[in-house]
Every structure is written in structure tokens, then in C-alpha cells.
Amino acid sequence: MSGHQDQDQDHGAHEGPIKTPKQLAWAVFFAFVVPILVIILLANYVTTDAKPAAGSVGLEEQATAARIQPIGTIKLVDASSAGALKTGEQVFQAQCAACHGTGAMGAPKLGDAAAWGPRIKTGFEALLNSALKGKNAMSPQGGGEHSDVEIARAVVYMANNAGAKFDEPKAPAAAASAAN
């Protein structure tokens, strides 16, 4: 008999809190569900910040257009429809004065006959070519904000202020007839 009592005592010593198969099923269920819910909630907490909801500002037509717009644009301007051509002085003030007004980066100053003299001797076409294609630190101005005729007028303005006697370029024939 003592053998049977030992078995009962051993069996009772190994007994845990789960006594029925139903309790075992619930324990297994919660052992999987609770960690998964905790992981989902933590991932949601970490990744959540102020994001626009569907149908809000992020999807407006302007926002979409801004995201898919081309990097650069080309603006073609017809000289005849662009209005009156600017004078040499206007172009100088808008485009050239930054360097030619102060002598920055070795640019000859407006009215400095000594600096402009050798350049004027090369002729108007050489000066215009340098202005349109660029020279040394000066960037090309051709195809920029001003037409080639306006750049030519600025070249004449600067050269004439240093003693040259260049004639100001006239507007192209199409622009001249549109202006009348």
C-alpha cells in the first residue's frame, strides 16, 4: 500500500493551475493572441505620426501636380509679341550692373575708358559675341531673360559710355511692324 500512496503524493506534487482541457485551450489561445496584439500595438505606436488621411491635403490636385511636375521648363518668347524691346540702359540695370557696375570678377566698369578701350577696338561683333556666349567669368546671356537684340543694346550702351560710337541695334522687322 505504501507504493500507492507514493504515487498519489507524486501526482499531487506535479499538478499545475490548469486542471481541465478547457483551461488548457484558453491558456494556449491567450499565449498566442496577447503577444501578437502587443506587437501590433507597439508597431502602430512607433510608426504613427501626423500623416494626412485619405482624401485630405496630400491628395489635392495642386499637391499631385506639384509632385509630378517636370524639373525644368522652357519658355519660348516671340520677340514680336513680347512688347517693346528694352533699352540698353534698362538691360544694363537689370542684367549687367551687378558686375559691370562694380568691376566684380574683373569685369570692366561702366564708363572706364581704359578698361573698355582694347575691347572696343575688337569691334561691336566681337563684344556682342562675348556677351551672348560668355567670356571668362561672365556667363552666356544669349537665350536668357533678354533677347539677343536687347543684349546687343546693352553692349552698345556700355561701350558708348566708355567712348565708342556704336549705333544702337534696331528692332527686328517683325517687331518694328508690330510696334507701328
C-alpha atoms as a PDB file:
ATOM      1  CA  MET A   1       0.000   0.000   0.000  1.00  0.00           C
ATOM      2  CA  SER A   2       2.726   2.354   0.604  1.00  0.00           C
ATOM      3  CA  GLY A   3       3.525   2.251  -3.151  1.00  0.00           C
ATOM      4  CA  HIS A   4       0.063   3.536  -3.987  1.00  0.00           C
ATOM      5  CA  GLN A   5       0.355   6.428  -1.541  1.00  0.00           C
ATOM      6  CA  ASP A   6       3.673   7.441  -3.038  1.00  0.00           C
ATOM      7  CA  GLN A   7       2.080   7.669  -6.458  1.00  0.00           C
ATOM      8  CA  ASP A   8      -0.707   9.901  -5.186  1.00  0.00           C
ATOM      9  CA  GLN A   9       1.750  12.177  -3.465  1.00  0.00           C
ATOM     10  CA  ASP A  10       3.953  12.373  -6.575  1.00  0.00           C
ATOM     11  CA  HIS A  11       0.932  13.088  -8.771  1.00  0.00           C
ATOM     12  CA  GLY A  12      -0.256  15.885  -6.478  1.00  0.00           C
ATOM     13  CA  ALA A  13       3.181  17.482  -6.354  1.00  0.00           C
ATOM     14  CA  HIS A  14       3.268  17.925 -10.153  1.00  0.00           C
ATOM     15  CA  GLU A  15      -0.186  19.357 -10.558  1.00  0.00           C
ATOM     16  CA  GLY A  16      -0.381  22.955 -12.016  1.00  0.00           C
ATOM     17  CA  PRO A  17      -3.037  25.675 -12.261  1.00  0.00           C
ATOM     18  CA  ILE A  18      -4.531  24.123 -15.451  1.00  0.00           C
ATOM     19  CA  LYS A  19      -6.837  21.325 -14.361  1.00  0.00           C
ATOM     20  CA  THR A  20      -9.155  20.821 -17.370  1.00  0.00           C
ATOM     21  CA  PRO A  21      -8.728  20.674 -21.158  1.00  0.00           C
ATOM     22  CA  LYS A  22     -10.886  23.825 -21.483  1.00  0.00           C
ATOM     23  CA  GLN A  23      -8.421  25.758 -19.304  1.00  0.00           C
ATOM     24  CA  LEU A  24      -5.551  24.426 -21.440  1.00  0.00           C
ATOM     25  CA  ALA A  25      -7.249  25.627 -24.633  1.00  0.00           C
ATOM     26  CA  TRP A  26      -7.755  29.133 -23.187  1.00  0.00           C
ATOM     27  CA  ALA A  27      -4.158  29.286 -21.965  1.00  0.00           C
ATOM     28  CA  VAL A  28      -2.809  28.304 -25.420  1.00  0.00           C
ATOM     29  CA  PHE A  29      -5.126  30.812 -27.118  1.00  0.00           C
ATOM     30  CA  PHE A  30      -4.014  33.724 -24.913  1.00  0.00           C
ATOM     31  CA  ALA A  31      -0.358  32.673 -25.128  1.00  0.00           C
ATOM     32  CA  PHE A  32      -0.520  33.417 -28.869  1.00  0.00           C
ATOM     33  CA  VAL A  33      -3.050  36.240 -29.061  1.00  0.00           C
ATOM     34  CA  VAL A  34      -1.701  38.531 -26.336  1.00  0.00           C
ATOM     35  CA  PRO A  35       1.891  38.777 -27.718  1.00  0.00           C
ATOM     36  CA  ILE A  36       0.576  39.321 -31.253  1.00  0.00           C
ATOM     37  CA  LEU A  37      -1.694  42.150 -30.063  1.00  0.00           C
ATOM     38  CA  VAL A  38       1.195  43.707 -28.117  1.00  0.00           C
ATOM     39  CA  ILE A  39       3.437  43.586 -31.209  1.00  0.00           C
ATOM     40  CA  ILE A  40       0.752  45.149 -33.409  1.00  0.00           C
ATOM     41  CA  LEU A  41       0.070  47.942 -30.919  1.00  0.00           C
ATOM     42  CA  LEU A  42       3.797  48.686 -30.484  1.00  0.00           C
ATOM     43  CA  ALA A  43       4.373  48.780 -34.257  1.00  0.00           C
ATOM     44  CA  ASN A  44       1.408  51.109 -34.668  1.00  0.00           C
ATOM     45  CA  TYR A  45       2.668  53.369 -31.878  1.00  0.00           C
ATOM     46  CA  VAL A  46       6.170  53.593 -33.339  1.00  0.00           C
ATOM     47  CA  THR A  47       5.099  54.312 -36.903  1.00  0.00           C
ATOM     48  CA  THR A  48       2.262  56.713 -36.175  1.00  0.00           C
ATOM     49  CA  ASP A  49       2.843  60.431 -36.686  1.00  0.00           C
ATOM     50  CA  ALA A  50       0.862  63.238 -38.280  1.00  0.00           C
ATOM     51  CA  LYS A  51       0.048  61.746 -41.670  1.00  0.00           C
ATOM     52  CA  PRO A  52      -2.698  63.156 -43.843  1.00  0.00           C
ATOM     53  CA  ALA A  53      -5.701  60.915 -44.077  1.00  0.00           C
ATOM     54  CA  ALA A  54      -7.081  59.672 -47.360  1.00  0.00           C
ATOM     55  CA  GLY A  55      -8.796  62.445 -49.266  1.00  0.00           C
ATOM     56  CA  SER A  56      -7.036  65.216 -47.365  1.00  0.00           C
ATOM     57  CA  VAL A  57      -4.362  67.726 -48.375  1.00  0.00           C
ATOM     58  CA  GLY A  58      -1.961  65.062 -49.623  1.00  0.00           C
ATOM     59  CA  LEU A  59      -4.283  64.119 -52.470  1.00  0.00           C
ATOM     60  CA  GLU A  60      -5.463  67.518 -53.663  1.00  0.00           C
ATOM     61  CA  GLU A  61      -4.971  68.275 -57.340  1.00  0.00           C
ATOM     62  CA  GLN A  62      -2.411  71.007 -56.633  1.00  0.00           C
ATOM     63  CA  ALA A  63      -0.345  68.711 -54.424  1.00  0.00           C
ATOM     64  CA  THR A  64      -0.403  65.972 -57.034  1.00  0.00           C
ATOM     65  CA  ALA A  65       0.556  68.404 -59.785  1.00  0.00           C
ATOM     66  CA  ALA A  66       3.453  69.721 -57.682  1.00  0.00           C
ATOM     67  CA  ARG A  67       4.770  66.191 -57.122  1.00  0.00           C
ATOM     68  CA  ILE A  68       4.697  65.202 -60.787  1.00  0.00           C
ATOM     69  CA  GLN A  69       5.753  68.488 -62.386  1.00  0.00           C
ATOM     70  CA  PRO A  70       8.761  68.468 -64.706  1.00  0.00           C
ATOM     71  CA  ILE A  71      12.101  69.531 -63.252  1.00  0.00           C
ATOM     72  CA  GLY A  72      12.766  72.271 -65.788  1.00  0.00           C
ATOM     73  CA  THR A  73      10.702  74.309 -68.169  1.00  0.00           C
ATOM     74  CA  ILE A  74      11.363  76.046 -71.435  1.00  0.00           C
ATOM     75  CA  LYS A  75       9.767  79.374 -72.120  1.00  0.00           C
ATOM     76  CA  LEU A  76       9.611  80.402 -75.754  1.00  0.00           C
ATOM     77  CA  VAL A  77       9.023  84.084 -76.263  1.00  0.00           C
ATOM     78  CA  ASP A  78       8.222  85.633 -79.587  1.00  0.00           C
ATOM     79  CA  ALA A  79      10.102  88.925 -79.788  1.00  0.00           C
ATOM     80  CA  SER A  80       7.277  90.497 -81.786  1.00  0.00           C
ATOM     81  CA  SER A  81       4.634  89.693 -79.167  1.00  0.00           C
ATOM     82  CA  ALA A  82       6.775  90.334 -76.101  1.00  0.00           C
ATOM     83  CA  GLY A  83       6.072  94.053 -76.225  1.00  0.00           C
ATOM     84  CA  ALA A  84       8.554  96.862 -76.629  1.00  0.00           C
ATOM     85  CA  LEU A  85      12.212  95.975 -76.535  1.00  0.00           C
ATOM     86  CA  LYS A  86      14.133  97.264 -73.545  1.00  0.00           C
ATOM     87  CA  THR A  87      16.762  99.937 -73.969  1.00  0.00           C
ATOM     88  CA  GLY A  88      20.436  99.240 -73.420  1.00  0.00           C
ATOM     89  CA  GLU A  89      20.348 101.101 -70.120  1.00  0.00           C
ATOM     90  CA  GLN A  90      17.346  99.074 -68.875  1.00  0.00           C
ATOM     91  CA  VAL A  91      19.063  95.793 -69.722  1.00  0.00           C
ATOM     92  CA  PHE A  92      22.311  97.033 -68.142  1.00  0.00           C
ATOM     93  CA  GLN A  93      20.492  97.886 -64.897  1.00  0.00           C
ATOM     94  CA  ALA A  94      18.626  94.560 -64.849  1.00  0.00           C
ATOM     95  CA  GLN A  95      21.369  92.182 -66.009  1.00  0.00           C
ATOM     96  CA  CYS A  96      24.826  93.712 -66.275  1.00  0.00           C
ATOM     97  CA  ALA A  97      25.131  96.219 -63.431  1.00  0.00           C
ATOM     98  CA  ALA A  98      25.930  93.602 -60.794  1.00  0.00           C
ATOM     99  CA  CYS A  99      29.383  93.047 -62.285  1.00  0.00           C
ATOM    100  CA  HIS A 100      29.972  95.908 -64.724  1.00  0.00           C
ATOM    101  CA  GLY A 101      28.762  98.485 -62.204  1.00  0.00           C
ATOM    102  CA  THR A 102      31.240  97.373 -59.524  1.00  0.00           C
ATOM    103  CA  GLY A 103      34.018  95.736 -61.518  1.00  0.00           C
ATOM    104  CA  ALA A 104      33.381  92.368 -59.845  1.00  0.00           C
ATOM    105  CA  MET A 105      35.410  89.384 -61.115  1.00  0.00           C
ATOM    106  CA  GLY A 106      37.494  91.588 -63.410  1.00  0.00           C
ATOM    107  CA  ALA A 107      34.563  92.977 -65.408  1.00  0.00           C
ATOM    108  CA  PRO A 108      35.289  96.392 -66.951  1.00  0.00           C
ATOM    109  CA  LYS A 109      33.303  99.069 -65.132  1.00  0.00           C
ATOM    110  CA  LEU A 110      30.758 101.190 -66.914  1.00  0.00           C
ATOM    111  CA  GLY A 111      32.465 104.338 -68.210  1.00  0.00           C
ATOM    112  CA  ASP A 112      36.052 103.085 -67.641  1.00  0.00           C
ATOM    113  CA  ALA A 113      37.583 104.051 -70.995  1.00  0.00           C
ATOM    114  CA  ALA A 114      40.971 102.476 -70.175  1.00  0.00           C
ATOM    115  CA  ALA A 115      39.411  99.080 -69.459  1.00  0.00           C
ATOM    116  CA  TRP A 116      36.979  99.221 -72.374  1.00  0.00           C
ATOM    117  CA  GLY A 117      39.454 100.629 -74.946  1.00  0.00           C
ATOM    118  CA  PRO A 118      41.057  97.324 -76.025  1.00  0.00           C
ATOM    119  CA  ARG A 119      37.656  95.650 -76.087  1.00  0.00           C
ATOM    120  CA  ILE A 120      36.114  98.413 -78.215  1.00  0.00           C
ATOM    121  CA  LYS A 121      38.971  98.044 -80.729  1.00  0.00           C
ATOM    122  CA  THR A 122      37.909  94.431 -81.366  1.00  0.00           C
ATOM    123  CA  GLY A 123      34.611  95.796 -82.707  1.00  0.00           C
ATOM    124  CA  PHE A 124      30.938  95.544 -81.897  1.00  0.00           C
ATOM    125  CA  GLU A 125      30.506  91.987 -83.262  1.00  0.00           C
ATOM    126  CA  ALA A 126      33.295  90.625 -81.031  1.00  0.00           C
ATOM    127  CA  LEU A 127      31.802  92.348 -77.964  1.00  0.00           C
ATOM    128  CA  LEU A 128      28.331  91.053 -78.790  1.00  0.00           C
ATOM    129  CA  ASN A 129      29.682  87.532 -79.327  1.00  0.00           C
ATOM    130  CA  SER A 130      31.363  87.642 -75.886  1.00  0.00           C
ATOM    131  CA  ALA A 131      28.143  88.872 -74.290  1.00  0.00           C
ATOM    132  CA  LEU A 132      25.969  86.219 -75.938  1.00  0.00           C
ATOM    133  CA  LYS A 133      28.330  83.253 -75.487  1.00  0.00           C
ATOM    134  CA  GLY A 134      30.108  84.310 -72.297  1.00  0.00           C
ATOM    135  CA  LYS A 135      33.736  85.052 -71.641  1.00  0.00           C
ATOM    136  CA  ASN A 136      35.989  84.323 -68.648  1.00  0.00           C
ATOM    137  CA  ALA A 137      33.804  84.601 -65.504  1.00  0.00           C
ATOM    138  CA  MET A 138      30.830  86.088 -67.405  1.00  0.00           C
ATOM    139  CA  SER A 139      28.085  83.587 -68.141  1.00  0.00           C
ATOM    140  CA  PRO A 140      26.355  83.463 -71.519  1.00  0.00           C
ATOM    141  CA  GLN A 141      23.439  85.876 -71.786  1.00  0.00           C
ATOM    142  CA  GLY A 142      22.072  84.602 -75.100  1.00  0.00           C
ATOM    143  CA  GLY A 143      18.692  82.926 -74.671  1.00  0.00           C
ATOM    144  CA  GLY A 144      18.379  84.331 -71.170  1.00  0.00           C
ATOM    145  CA  GLU A 145      15.749  86.657 -69.859  1.00  0.00           C
ATOM    146  CA  HIS A 146      16.546  89.235 -72.538  1.00  0.00           C
ATOM    147  CA  SER A 147      16.505  88.863 -76.311  1.00  0.00           C
ATOM    148  CA  ASP A 148      19.699  88.994 -78.351  1.00  0.00           C
ATOM    149  CA  VAL A 149      18.727  92.468 -79.614  1.00  0.00           C
ATOM    150  CA  GLU A 150      18.337  93.714 -76.035  1.00  0.00           C
ATOM    151  CA  ILE A 151      21.734  92.251 -75.085  1.00  0.00           C
ATOM    152  CA  ALA A 152      23.205  93.986 -78.153  1.00  0.00           C
ATOM    153  CA  ARG A 153      21.686  97.272 -76.973  1.00  0.00           C
ATOM    154  CA  ALA A 154      23.276  96.771 -73.541  1.00  0.00           C
ATOM    155  CA  VAL A 155      26.664  96.127 -75.179  1.00  0.00           C
ATOM    156  CA  VAL A 156      26.315  99.353 -77.192  1.00  0.00           C
ATOM    157  CA  TYR A 157      25.252 101.253 -74.057  1.00  0.00           C
ATOM    158  CA  MET A 158      28.297 100.088 -72.068  1.00  0.00           C
ATOM    159  CA  ALA A 159      30.752 100.569 -74.933  1.00  0.00           C
ATOM    160  CA  ASN A 160      29.409 104.037 -75.807  1.00  0.00           C
ATOM    161  CA  ASN A 161      29.743 105.093 -72.153  1.00  0.00           C
ATOM    162  CA  ALA A 162      33.456 104.268 -72.469  1.00  0.00           C
ATOM    163  CA  GLY A 163      33.947 106.291 -75.654  1.00  0.00           C
ATOM    164  CA  ALA A 164      32.750 104.049 -78.504  1.00  0.00           C
ATOM    165  CA  LYS A 165      30.454 105.365 -81.217  1.00  0.00           C
ATOM    166  CA  PHE A 166      28.397 102.243 -81.968  1.00  0.00           C
ATOM    167  CA  ASP A 167      24.876 102.618 -83.367  1.00  0.00           C
ATOM    168  CA  GLU A 168      22.116 101.074 -81.238  1.00  0.00           C
ATOM    169  CA  PRO A 169      20.652  97.978 -82.918  1.00  0.00           C
ATOM    170  CA  LYS A 170      17.152  98.431 -84.236  1.00  0.00           C
ATOM    171  CA  ALA A 171      14.253  96.125 -83.515  1.00  0.00           C
ATOM    172  CA  PRO A 172      13.795  93.219 -85.913  1.00  0.00           C
ATOM    173  CA  ALA A 173      11.475  93.869 -88.862  1.00  0.00           C
ATOM    174  CA  ALA A 174       8.586  91.850 -87.393  1.00  0.00           C
ATOM    175  CA  ALA A 175       8.804  93.704 -84.070  1.00  0.00           C
ATOM    176  CA  ALA A 176       9.077  97.077 -85.821  1.00  0.00           C
ATOM    177  CA  SER A 177       5.927  96.441 -87.878  1.00  0.00           C
ATOM    178  CA  ALA A 178       4.043  95.200 -84.766  1.00  0.00           C
ATOM    179  CA  ALA A 179       5.027  98.334 -82.850  1.00  0.00           C
ATOM    180  CA  ASN A 180       3.539 100.629 -85.573  1.00  0.00           C
END
